[in-house]
Amino acid sequence: MPNVLIRDLDPQVHAVLTTRAEAHGQSLQQYLTAELTEMASKPTLAELFAEIEARPARPRIPIDVILNAIHEGREGR
């Protein structure tokens, strides 16, 4: 399994992460593994936009069709 080494981590950051790990009843390694796994499971904005742009184009509904449907729906109330 791969390892990650973080150099020059601010001691205050290390203390906060250690405190959070302890609050979750985990070792620092367990806590960071869970946090990094969660982070990696969510796409970045750039990845999300690229995914959206890669989707096939959908046919556009003309605005007059949308407005007519809204007006018809309101009349039926």
C-alpha atoms as a PDB file:
ATOM      1  CA  MET A   1       0.000   0.000   0.000  1.00  0.00           C
ATOM      2  CA  PRO A   2       1.381   3.463  -0.869  1.00  0.00           C
ATOM      3  CA  ASN A   3       2.674   5.825   1.782  1.00  0.00           C
ATOM      4  CA  VAL A   4       2.535   9.619   1.968  1.00  0.00           C
ATOM      5  CA  LEU A   5       5.164  11.730   3.703  1.00  0.00           C
ATOM      6  CA  ILE A   6       4.358  15.339   4.548  1.00  0.00           C
ATOM      7  CA  ARG A   7       7.337  17.527   5.311  1.00  0.00           C
ATOM      8  CA  ASP A   8       7.402  20.895   7.060  1.00  0.00           C
ATOM      9  CA  LEU A   9       3.897  20.589   8.512  1.00  0.00           C
ATOM     10  CA  ASP A  10       3.153  23.459  10.850  1.00  0.00           C
ATOM     11  CA  PRO A  11       3.181  22.142  14.451  1.00  0.00           C
ATOM     12  CA  GLN A  12      -0.164  23.833  15.129  1.00  0.00           C
ATOM     13  CA  VAL A  13      -1.726  22.022  12.174  1.00  0.00           C
ATOM     14  CA  HIS A  14      -0.328  18.729  13.469  1.00  0.00           C
ATOM     15  CA  ALA A  15      -1.750  19.458  16.922  1.00  0.00           C
ATOM     16  CA  VAL A  16      -5.215  20.223  15.524  1.00  0.00           C
ATOM     17  CA  LEU A  17      -5.231  17.052  13.440  1.00  0.00           C
ATOM     18  CA  THR A  18      -4.046  14.964  16.384  1.00  0.00           C
ATOM     19  CA  THR A  19      -6.788  16.441  18.575  1.00  0.00           C
ATOM     20  CA  ARG A  20      -9.421  15.689  15.936  1.00  0.00           C
ATOM     21  CA  ALA A  21      -8.157  12.122  15.557  1.00  0.00           C
ATOM     22  CA  GLU A  22      -8.349  11.599  19.312  1.00  0.00           C
ATOM     23  CA  ALA A  23     -11.876  13.034  19.377  1.00  0.00           C
ATOM     24  CA  HIS A  24     -12.858  10.381  16.809  1.00  0.00           C
ATOM     25  CA  GLY A  25     -11.135   7.636  18.785  1.00  0.00           C
ATOM     26  CA  GLN A  26      -8.635   7.120  15.978  1.00  0.00           C
ATOM     27  CA  SER A  27      -4.927   7.251  15.486  1.00  0.00           C
ATOM     28  CA  LEU A  28      -3.643  10.146  13.425  1.00  0.00           C
ATOM     29  CA  GLN A  29      -2.973   7.718  10.558  1.00  0.00           C
ATOM     30  CA  GLN A  30      -6.527   6.338  10.687  1.00  0.00           C
ATOM     31  CA  TYR A  31      -8.027   9.820  10.847  1.00  0.00           C
ATOM     32  CA  LEU A  32      -5.962  11.166   7.948  1.00  0.00           C
ATOM     33  CA  THR A  33      -6.661   8.065   5.854  1.00  0.00           C
ATOM     34  CA  ALA A  34     -10.399   8.562   6.340  1.00  0.00           C
ATOM     35  CA  GLU A  35     -10.188  12.304   5.597  1.00  0.00           C
ATOM     36  CA  LEU A  36      -8.077  11.808   2.466  1.00  0.00           C
ATOM     37  CA  THR A  37     -10.368   9.024   1.257  1.00  0.00           C
ATOM     38  CA  GLU A  38     -13.373  11.317   1.695  1.00  0.00           C
ATOM     39  CA  MET A  39     -11.561  14.146  -0.100  1.00  0.00           C
ATOM     40  CA  ALA A  40     -10.614  11.908  -3.027  1.00  0.00           C
ATOM     41  CA  SER A  41     -14.174  10.588  -3.374  1.00  0.00           C
ATOM     42  CA  LYS A  42     -15.538  14.030  -4.253  1.00  0.00           C
ATOM     43  CA  PRO A  43     -14.755  15.617  -7.610  1.00  0.00           C
ATOM     44  CA  THR A  44     -13.098  19.009  -7.755  1.00  0.00           C
ATOM     45  CA  LEU A  45     -15.014  21.843  -9.412  1.00  0.00           C
ATOM     46  CA  ALA A  46     -12.815  21.490 -12.496  1.00  0.00           C
ATOM     47  CA  GLU A  47     -13.558  17.745 -12.662  1.00  0.00           C
ATOM     48  CA  LEU A  48     -17.274  18.382 -12.173  1.00  0.00           C
ATOM     49  CA  PHE A  49     -17.393  21.013 -14.927  1.00  0.00           C
ATOM     50  CA  ALA A  50     -15.432  18.732 -17.276  1.00  0.00           C
ATOM     51  CA  GLU A  51     -17.912  15.919 -16.594  1.00  0.00           C
ATOM     52  CA  ILE A  52     -20.867  18.220 -17.264  1.00  0.00           C
ATOM     53  CA  GLU A  53     -19.329  19.496 -20.499  1.00  0.00           C
ATOM     54  CA  ALA A  54     -18.691  15.922 -21.649  1.00  0.00           C
ATOM     55  CA  ARG A  55     -22.378  15.030 -21.334  1.00  0.00           C
ATOM     56  CA  PRO A  56     -24.306  14.844 -24.585  1.00  0.00           C
ATOM     57  CA  ALA A  57     -26.268  17.968 -25.479  1.00  0.00           C
ATOM     58  CA  ARG A  58     -29.948  17.885 -24.601  1.00  0.00           C
ATOM     59  CA  PRO A  59     -32.554  19.410 -26.868  1.00  0.00           C
ATOM     60  CA  ARG A  60     -33.570  22.874 -25.748  1.00  0.00           C
ATOM     61  CA  ILE A  61     -37.194  23.683 -25.012  1.00  0.00           C
ATOM     62  CA  PRO A  62     -38.263  26.992 -26.518  1.00  0.00           C
ATOM     63  CA  ILE A  63     -39.092  29.660 -23.926  1.00  0.00           C
ATOM     64  CA  ASP A  64     -42.616  30.163 -25.310  1.00  0.00           C
ATOM     65  CA  VAL A  65     -43.400  26.467 -24.718  1.00  0.00           C
ATOM     66  CA  ILE A  66     -42.197  26.781 -21.114  1.00  0.00           C
ATOM     67  CA  LEU A  67     -44.196  29.970 -20.494  1.00  0.00           C
ATOM     68  CA  ASN A  68     -47.343  28.476 -22.051  1.00  0.00           C
ATOM     69  CA  ALA A  69     -47.029  25.414 -19.790  1.00  0.00           C
ATOM     70  CA  ILE A  70     -46.667  27.664 -16.732  1.00  0.00           C
ATOM     71  CA  HIS A  71     -49.703  29.745 -17.689  1.00  0.00           C
ATOM     72  CA  GLU A  72     -51.793  26.635 -18.416  1.00  0.00           C
ATOM     73  CA  GLY A  73     -50.797  25.161 -15.061  1.00  0.00           C
ATOM     74  CA  ARG A  74     -51.808  28.319 -13.241  1.00  0.00           C
ATOM     75  CA  GLU A  75     -55.164  28.481 -15.022  1.00  0.00           C
ATOM     76  CA  GLY A  76     -55.961  24.963 -13.880  1.00  0.00           C
ATOM     77  CA  ARG A  77     -55.741  25.852 -10.190  1.00  0.00           C
END
